[in-house]
Amino acid sequence: MHLDQGYRIDLLVERKVIVELKVVERIAPVHEAQVLSYLRFSGCKIGLLLNFNVKLLKDGIRRFIM
């Protein structure tokens, strides 16, 4: 899958799931907008936003479905 420069998906799983990785204090609306933009541009239906800067990883997972 090719997106124009400036758009770089961190991980694409089976050409179906976009995974965006972050290490931030907290997820900001711009991070969510980034995943939603990737979903729209790519045609994928599922996106995951993972923040590794949390004590429990389950608290850093945000799922998006288009």
PDB file of N, CA and C in Angstrom:
ATOM      1  N   MET A   1       0.844  -1.162   0.000  1.00  0.00           N
ATOM      2  CA  MET A   1       0.000   0.000   0.000  1.00  0.00           C
ATOM      3  C   MET A   1       0.894   1.231   0.000  1.00  0.00           C
ATOM      4  N   HIS A   2       0.578   2.185  -0.841  1.00  0.00           N
ATOM      5  CA  HIS A   2       1.399   3.391  -0.955  1.00  0.00           C
ATOM      6  C   HIS A   2       0.561   4.618  -0.620  1.00  0.00           C
ATOM      7  N   LEU A   3       1.027   5.388   0.340  1.00  0.00           N
ATOM      8  CA  LEU A   3       0.436   6.684   0.650  1.00  0.00           C
ATOM      9  C   LEU A   3       1.484   7.737   0.338  1.00  0.00           C
ATOM     10  N   ASP A   4       1.034   8.902  -0.139  1.00  0.00           N
ATOM     11  CA  ASP A   4       1.977   9.962  -0.494  1.00  0.00           C
ATOM     12  C   ASP A   4       2.866  10.334   0.680  1.00  0.00           C
ATOM     13  N   GLN A   5       3.957  11.021   0.375  1.00  0.00           N
ATOM     14  CA  GLN A   5       4.905  11.401   1.421  1.00  0.00           C
ATOM     15  C   GLN A   5       4.204  12.164   2.536  1.00  0.00           C
ATOM     16  N   GLY A   6       4.717  12.004   3.728  1.00  0.00           N
ATOM     17  CA  GLY A   6       4.117  12.642   4.883  1.00  0.00           C
ATOM     18  C   GLY A   6       3.186  11.725   5.647  1.00  0.00           C
ATOM     19  N   TYR A   7       2.754  10.643   5.030  1.00  0.00           N
ATOM     20  CA  TYR A   7       1.879   9.679   5.691  1.00  0.00           C
ATOM     21  C   TYR A   7       2.623   8.366   5.803  1.00  0.00           C
ATOM     22  N   ARG A   8       2.920   7.961   7.023  1.00  0.00           N
ATOM     23  CA  ARG A   8       3.672   6.723   7.239  1.00  0.00           C
ATOM     24  C   ARG A   8       2.975   5.892   8.303  1.00  0.00           C
ATOM     25  N   ILE A   9       2.386   4.816   7.867  1.00  0.00           N
ATOM     26  CA  ILE A   9       1.734   3.892   8.785  1.00  0.00           C
ATOM     27  C   ILE A   9       2.827   3.117   9.509  1.00  0.00           C
ATOM     28  N   ASP A  10       2.729   3.013  10.835  1.00  0.00           N
ATOM     29  CA  ASP A  10       3.743   2.283  11.599  1.00  0.00           C
ATOM     30  C   ASP A  10       3.710   0.796  11.268  1.00  0.00           C
ATOM     31  N   LEU A  11       2.536   0.189  11.328  1.00  0.00           N
ATOM     32  CA  LEU A  11       2.391  -1.238  11.003  1.00  0.00           C
ATOM     33  C   LEU A  11       1.110  -1.458  10.223  1.00  0.00           C
ATOM     34  N   LEU A  12       1.185  -2.329   9.235  1.00  0.00           N
ATOM     35  CA  LEU A  12       0.008  -2.744   8.482  1.00  0.00           C
ATOM     36  C   LEU A  12      -0.049  -4.262   8.562  1.00  0.00           C
ATOM     37  N   VAL A  13      -1.073  -4.796   9.199  1.00  0.00           N
ATOM     38  CA  VAL A  13      -1.185  -6.235   9.442  1.00  0.00           C
ATOM     39  C   VAL A  13      -2.142  -6.845   8.425  1.00  0.00           C
ATOM     40  N   GLU A  14      -1.632  -7.775   7.621  1.00  0.00           N
ATOM     41  CA  GLU A  14      -2.441  -8.508   6.639  1.00  0.00           C
ATOM     42  C   GLU A  14      -3.218  -7.576   5.707  1.00  0.00           C
ATOM     43  N   ARG A  15      -2.695  -6.375   5.494  1.00  0.00           N
ATOM     44  CA  ARG A  15      -3.349  -5.368   4.652  1.00  0.00           C
ATOM     45  C   ARG A  15      -4.776  -5.060   5.102  1.00  0.00           C
ATOM     46  N   LYS A  16      -5.038  -5.287   6.405  1.00  0.00           N
ATOM     47  CA  LYS A  16      -6.382  -5.076   6.940  1.00  0.00           C
ATOM     48  C   LYS A  16      -6.418  -4.205   8.188  1.00  0.00           C
ATOM     49  N   VAL A  17      -5.365  -4.249   8.997  1.00  0.00           N
ATOM     50  CA  VAL A  17      -5.361  -3.541  10.283  1.00  0.00           C
ATOM     51  C   VAL A  17      -4.183  -2.571  10.327  1.00  0.00           C
ATOM     52  N   ILE A  18      -4.491  -1.306  10.581  1.00  0.00           N
ATOM     53  CA  ILE A  18      -3.455  -0.290  10.740  1.00  0.00           C
ATOM     54  C   ILE A  18      -3.135  -0.166  12.223  1.00  0.00           C
ATOM     55  N   VAL A  19      -1.844  -0.204  12.553  1.00  0.00           N
ATOM     56  CA  VAL A  19      -1.406  -0.063  13.940  1.00  0.00           C
ATOM     57  C   VAL A  19      -0.486   1.149  14.019  1.00  0.00           C
ATOM     58  N   GLU A  20      -0.872   2.110  14.829  1.00  0.00           N
ATOM     59  CA  GLU A  20      -0.068   3.314  15.045  1.00  0.00           C
ATOM     60  C   GLU A  20       0.501   3.254  16.453  1.00  0.00           C
ATOM     61  N   LEU A  21       1.816   3.397  16.570  1.00  0.00           N
ATOM     62  CA  LEU A  21       2.515   3.258  17.846  1.00  0.00           C
ATOM     63  C   LEU A  21       2.918   4.622  18.391  1.00  0.00           C
ATOM     64  N   LYS A  22       2.682   4.824  19.678  1.00  0.00           N
ATOM     65  CA  LYS A  22       3.041   6.084  20.335  1.00  0.00           C
ATOM     66  C   LYS A  22       3.665   5.799  21.692  1.00  0.00           C
ATOM     67  N   VAL A  23       4.500   6.723  22.141  1.00  0.00           N
ATOM     68  CA  VAL A  23       5.013   6.737  23.513  1.00  0.00           C
ATOM     69  C   VAL A  23       4.857   8.185  23.974  1.00  0.00           C
ATOM     70  N   VAL A  24       3.656   8.490  24.466  1.00  0.00           N
ATOM     71  CA  VAL A  24       3.321   9.856  24.858  1.00  0.00           C
ATOM     72  C   VAL A  24       2.659   9.845  26.235  1.00  0.00           C
ATOM     73  N   GLU A  25       2.658  11.009  26.874  1.00  0.00           N
ATOM     74  CA  GLU A  25       2.037  11.126  28.196  1.00  0.00           C
ATOM     75  C   GLU A  25       0.566  10.728  28.144  1.00  0.00           C
ATOM     76  N   ARG A  26      -0.124  11.244  27.123  1.00  0.00           N
ATOM     77  CA  ARG A  26      -1.505  10.817  26.909  1.00  0.00           C
ATOM     78  C   ARG A  26      -1.866  11.014  25.447  1.00  0.00           C
ATOM     79  N   ILE A  27      -2.805  10.227  24.970  1.00  0.00           N
ATOM     80  CA  ILE A  27      -3.237  10.308  23.579  1.00  0.00           C
ATOM     81  C   ILE A  27      -3.994  11.621  23.374  1.00  0.00           C
ATOM     82  N   ALA A  28      -3.608  12.356  22.342  1.00  0.00           N
ATOM     83  CA  ALA A  28      -4.241  13.631  22.013  1.00  0.00           C
ATOM     84  C   ALA A  28      -5.185  13.435  20.825  1.00  0.00           C
ATOM     85  N   PRO A  29      -6.118  14.354  20.643  1.00  0.00           N
ATOM     86  CA  PRO A  29      -7.023  14.251  19.488  1.00  0.00           C
ATOM     87  C   PRO A  29      -6.293  14.170  18.150  1.00  0.00           C
ATOM     88  N   VAL A  30      -5.131  14.806  18.048  1.00  0.00           N
ATOM     89  CA  VAL A  30      -4.378  14.742  16.792  1.00  0.00           C
ATOM     90  C   VAL A  30      -3.914  13.315  16.499  1.00  0.00           C
ATOM     91  N   HIS A  31      -3.616  12.530  17.525  1.00  0.00           N
ATOM     92  CA  HIS A  31      -3.210  11.137  17.326  1.00  0.00           C
ATOM     93  C   HIS A  31      -4.383  10.310  16.808  1.00  0.00           C
ATOM     94  N   GLU A  32      -5.565  10.554  17.369  1.00  0.00           N
ATOM     95  CA  GLU A  32      -6.764   9.848  16.906  1.00  0.00           C
ATOM     96  C   GLU A  32      -7.088  10.239  15.469  1.00  0.00           C
ATOM     97  N   ALA A  33      -6.962  11.526  15.152  1.00  0.00           N
ATOM     98  CA  ALA A  33      -7.216  12.001  13.792  1.00  0.00           C
ATOM     99  C   ALA A  33      -6.238  11.376  12.805  1.00  0.00           C
ATOM    100  N   GLN A  34      -5.015  11.162  13.238  1.00  0.00           N
ATOM    101  CA  GLN A  34      -4.007  10.534  12.388  1.00  0.00           C
ATOM    102  C   GLN A  34      -4.444   9.124  11.999  1.00  0.00           C
ATOM    103  N   VAL A  35      -4.897   8.333  12.968  1.00  0.00           N
ATOM    104  CA  VAL A  35      -5.345   6.966  12.679  1.00  0.00           C
ATOM    105  C   VAL A  35      -6.564   6.990  11.768  1.00  0.00           C
ATOM    106  N   LEU A  36      -7.514   7.872  12.050  1.00  0.00           N
ATOM    107  CA  LEU A  36      -8.713   7.962  11.211  1.00  0.00           C
ATOM    108  C   LEU A  36      -8.362   8.368   9.779  1.00  0.00           C
ATOM    109  N   SER A  37      -7.399   9.257   9.617  1.00  0.00           N
ATOM    110  CA  SER A  37      -6.952   9.647   8.274  1.00  0.00           C
ATOM    111  C   SER A  37      -6.327   8.470   7.551  1.00  0.00           C
ATOM    112  N   TYR A  38      -5.482   7.714   8.239  1.00  0.00           N
ATOM    113  CA  TYR A  38      -4.873   6.535   7.633  1.00  0.00           C
ATOM    114  C   TYR A  38      -5.938   5.540   7.196  1.00  0.00           C
ATOM    115  N   LEU A  39      -6.967   5.368   8.013  1.00  0.00           N
ATOM    116  CA  LEU A  39      -8.047   4.444   7.654  1.00  0.00           C
ATOM    117  C   LEU A  39      -8.769   4.925   6.401  1.00  0.00           C
ATOM    118  N   ARG A  40      -9.075   6.205   6.332  1.00  0.00           N
ATOM    119  CA  ARG A  40      -9.768   6.743   5.156  1.00  0.00           C
ATOM    120  C   ARG A  40      -8.909   6.621   3.901  1.00  0.00           C
ATOM    121  N   PHE A  41      -7.636   6.989   3.998  1.00  0.00           N
ATOM    122  CA  PHE A  41      -6.755   6.969   2.831  1.00  0.00           C
ATOM    123  C   PHE A  41      -6.485   5.557   2.337  1.00  0.00           C
ATOM    124  N   SER A  42      -6.376   4.609   3.254  1.00  0.00           N
ATOM    125  CA  SER A  42      -5.981   3.247   2.889  1.00  0.00           C
ATOM    126  C   SER A  42      -7.151   2.354   2.515  1.00  0.00           C
ATOM    127  N   GLY A  43      -8.343   2.681   3.003  1.00  0.00           N
ATOM    128  CA  GLY A  43      -9.487   1.803   2.772  1.00  0.00           C
ATOM    129  C   GLY A  43      -9.582   0.672   3.781  1.00  0.00           C
ATOM    130  N   CYS A  44      -8.664   0.625   4.731  1.00  0.00           N
ATOM    131  CA  CYS A  44      -8.733  -0.389   5.791  1.00  0.00           C
ATOM    132  C   CYS A  44      -9.903  -0.065   6.711  1.00  0.00           C
ATOM    133  N   LYS A  45     -10.405  -1.072   7.392  1.00  0.00           N
ATOM    134  CA  LYS A  45     -11.575  -0.902   8.256  1.00  0.00           C
ATOM    135  C   LYS A  45     -11.227  -0.812   9.741  1.00  0.00           C
ATOM    136  N   ILE A  46     -10.086  -1.366  10.148  1.00  0.00           N
ATOM    137  CA  ILE A  46      -9.737  -1.445  11.567  1.00  0.00           C
ATOM    138  C   ILE A  46      -8.396  -0.761  11.817  1.00  0.00           C
ATOM    139  N   GLY A  47      -8.349   0.026  12.892  1.00  0.00           N
ATOM    140  CA  GLY A  47      -7.113   0.676  13.291  1.00  0.00           C
ATOM    141  C   GLY A  47      -6.905   0.552  14.787  1.00  0.00           C
ATOM    142  N   LEU A  48      -5.662   0.423  15.178  1.00  0.00           N
ATOM    143  CA  LEU A  48      -5.300   0.378  16.592  1.00  0.00           C
ATOM    144  C   LEU A  48      -4.301   1.489  16.872  1.00  0.00           C
ATOM    145  N   LEU A  49      -4.527   2.199  17.948  1.00  0.00           N
ATOM    146  CA  LEU A  49      -3.605   3.219  18.419  1.00  0.00           C
ATOM    147  C   LEU A  49      -3.057   2.721  19.748  1.00  0.00           C
ATOM    148  N   LEU A  50      -1.755   2.434  19.786  1.00  0.00           N
ATOM    149  CA  LEU A  50      -1.127   1.873  20.979  1.00  0.00           C
ATOM    150  C   LEU A  50      -0.187   2.895  21.603  1.00  0.00           C
ATOM    151  N   ASN A  51      -0.412   3.179  22.877  1.00  0.00           N
ATOM    152  CA  ASN A  51       0.473   4.059  23.634  1.00  0.00           C
ATOM    153  C   ASN A  51       1.235   3.200  24.640  1.00  0.00           C
ATOM    154  N   PHE A  52       2.550   3.170  24.521  1.00  0.00           N
ATOM    155  CA  PHE A  52       3.375   2.338  25.393  1.00  0.00           C
ATOM    156  C   PHE A  52       3.794   3.046  26.680  1.00  0.00           C
ATOM    157  N   ASN A  53       3.401   4.293  26.851  1.00  0.00           N
ATOM    158  CA  ASN A  53       3.775   5.046  28.049  1.00  0.00           C
ATOM    159  C   ASN A  53       2.674   4.933  29.115  1.00  0.00           C
ATOM    160  N   VAL A  54       2.289   3.699  29.428  1.00  0.00           N
ATOM    161  CA  VAL A  54       1.274   3.420  30.450  1.00  0.00           C
ATOM    162  C   VAL A  54       1.755   2.252  31.303  1.00  0.00           C
ATOM    163  N   LYS A  55       1.227   2.144  32.521  1.00  0.00           N
ATOM    164  CA  LYS A  55       1.637   1.039  33.398  1.00  0.00           C
ATOM    165  C   LYS A  55       1.121  -0.299  32.891  1.00  0.00           C
ATOM    166  N   LEU A  56      -0.142  -0.327  32.457  1.00  0.00           N
ATOM    167  CA  LEU A  56      -0.738  -1.535  31.891  1.00  0.00           C
ATOM    168  C   LEU A  56      -1.033  -1.285  30.420  1.00  0.00           C
ATOM    169  N   LEU A  57      -0.522  -2.135  29.544  1.00  0.00           N
ATOM    170  CA  LEU A  57      -0.686  -1.921  28.109  1.00  0.00           C
ATOM    171  C   LEU A  57      -2.152  -1.831  27.713  1.00  0.00           C
ATOM    172  N   LYS A  58      -3.019  -2.592  28.388  1.00  0.00           N
ATOM    173  CA  LYS A  58      -4.443  -2.552  28.031  1.00  0.00           C
ATOM    174  C   LYS A  58      -5.030  -1.148  28.196  1.00  0.00           C
ATOM    175  N   ASP A  59      -4.426  -0.327  29.049  1.00  0.00           N
ATOM    176  CA  ASP A  59      -4.888   1.047  29.228  1.00  0.00           C
ATOM    177  C   ASP A  59      -4.413   1.967  28.104  1.00  0.00           C
ATOM    178  N   GLY A  60      -3.491   1.495  27.288  1.00  0.00           N
ATOM    179  CA  GLY A  60      -2.953   2.313  26.207  1.00  0.00           C
ATOM    180  C   GLY A  60      -3.437   1.903  24.834  1.00  0.00           C
ATOM    181  N   ILE A  61      -4.476   1.082  24.763  1.00  0.00           N
ATOM    182  CA  ILE A  61      -4.984   0.598  23.475  1.00  0.00           C
ATOM    183  C   ILE A  61      -6.285   1.309  23.136  1.00  0.00           C
ATOM    184  N   ARG A  62      -6.344   1.862  21.938  1.00  0.00           N
ATOM    185  CA  ARG A  62      -7.564   2.499  21.437  1.00  0.00           C
ATOM    186  C   ARG A  62      -7.880   1.870  20.088  1.00  0.00           C
ATOM    187  N   ARG A  63      -9.093   1.391  19.896  1.00  0.00           N
ATOM    188  CA  ARG A  63      -9.499   0.694  18.670  1.00  0.00           C
ATOM    189  C   ARG A  63     -10.440   1.576  17.860  1.00  0.00           C
ATOM    190  N   PHE A  64     -10.240   1.587  16.544  1.00  0.00           N
ATOM    191  CA  PHE A  64     -11.068   2.368  15.625  1.00  0.00           C
ATOM    192  C   PHE A  64     -11.639   1.436  14.567  1.00  0.00           C
ATOM    193  N   ILE A  65     -12.907   1.621  14.253  1.00  0.00           N
ATOM    194  CA  ILE A  65     -13.551   0.831  13.205  1.00  0.00           C
ATOM    195  C   ILE A  65     -14.259   1.797  12.265  1.00  0.00           C
ATOM    196  N   MET A  66     -14.021   1.627  10.984  1.00  0.00           N
ATOM    197  CA  MET A  66     -14.673   2.476   9.972  1.00  0.00           C
ATOM    198  C   MET A  66     -15.815   1.725   9.333  1.00  0.00           C
TER     199      MET A  66
END
